[in-house]
Amino acid sequence: MKINALMIPDPITITENASIQEAIELMKVNSIRHLPVIGTGNRLKGFVTLADLKQGFIPSMLGEVSLADLIIRNPIVVRPDDDVESAARLIYKHKIGGIPVVKNDKLVGIITETDILRAFIDMMGLLTASSRIDLVVGDEPGAFRNVLQIINDNGGDIINVGITGQEISKREYYFRLSACNTAVIKKALEKEGYKVLDAMD
């Protein structure tokens, strides 16, 4: 999935000559926590967060700090045709809540941790009625294909599959299924020698 499918296009922005109070008010009114700072021609000049603005609010009342002092210059950015995974890795690695999306140095959107979480929830089918089977498939040739067949033959309709990153013989597989009776599937898998870790209707 590409970032342009998830990003918020044409996000709310601010210019660096605005005040900290104006920026906070803009965030409050629009229920957002990140503001791209733009210049002429929608060119990205920086990024500010609600946390940074709150820290600078009291000093700004004393005339010691301005919005320009709080702007993150040269922020981490992504492009609209980058993969969502790249944005997720950057957000996780740098412990940030959002990233401006730019094309030819111009701001075209913003993607936040909430957008990525929403995509994950959609892909995992977490908001729809579903069942789940967790098991160790092992490293025997054809084992994964065999597990798929067993699940299918016993009434399981697979929505998606998650896998841990361990060595192949110890990997845990998480099969999310359309709502069904997992007891039958669990019994069939165990009969074939697979270690079922959990089964939830």
Foldseek 3Di string as FASTA:
>chain_A
DFQLVQWAFPDAAAAQVDWLVVVLVVCVVVVHFKHFHADPPQFTFFIAGNVLSVVCVVVVVVVNDGSNNRTHGPDDAAERGDHVVVVVVVCVVVVDFKHFYDDPRHTTGMHGPVSVVVVVCVQLVVVAAKKKWKWQQADDPCSVVVLVVLCVVQPWAFSDKDWDDDPNRGIMIMTITHDDDCVSSVVSCVVVPIGIPDIGD
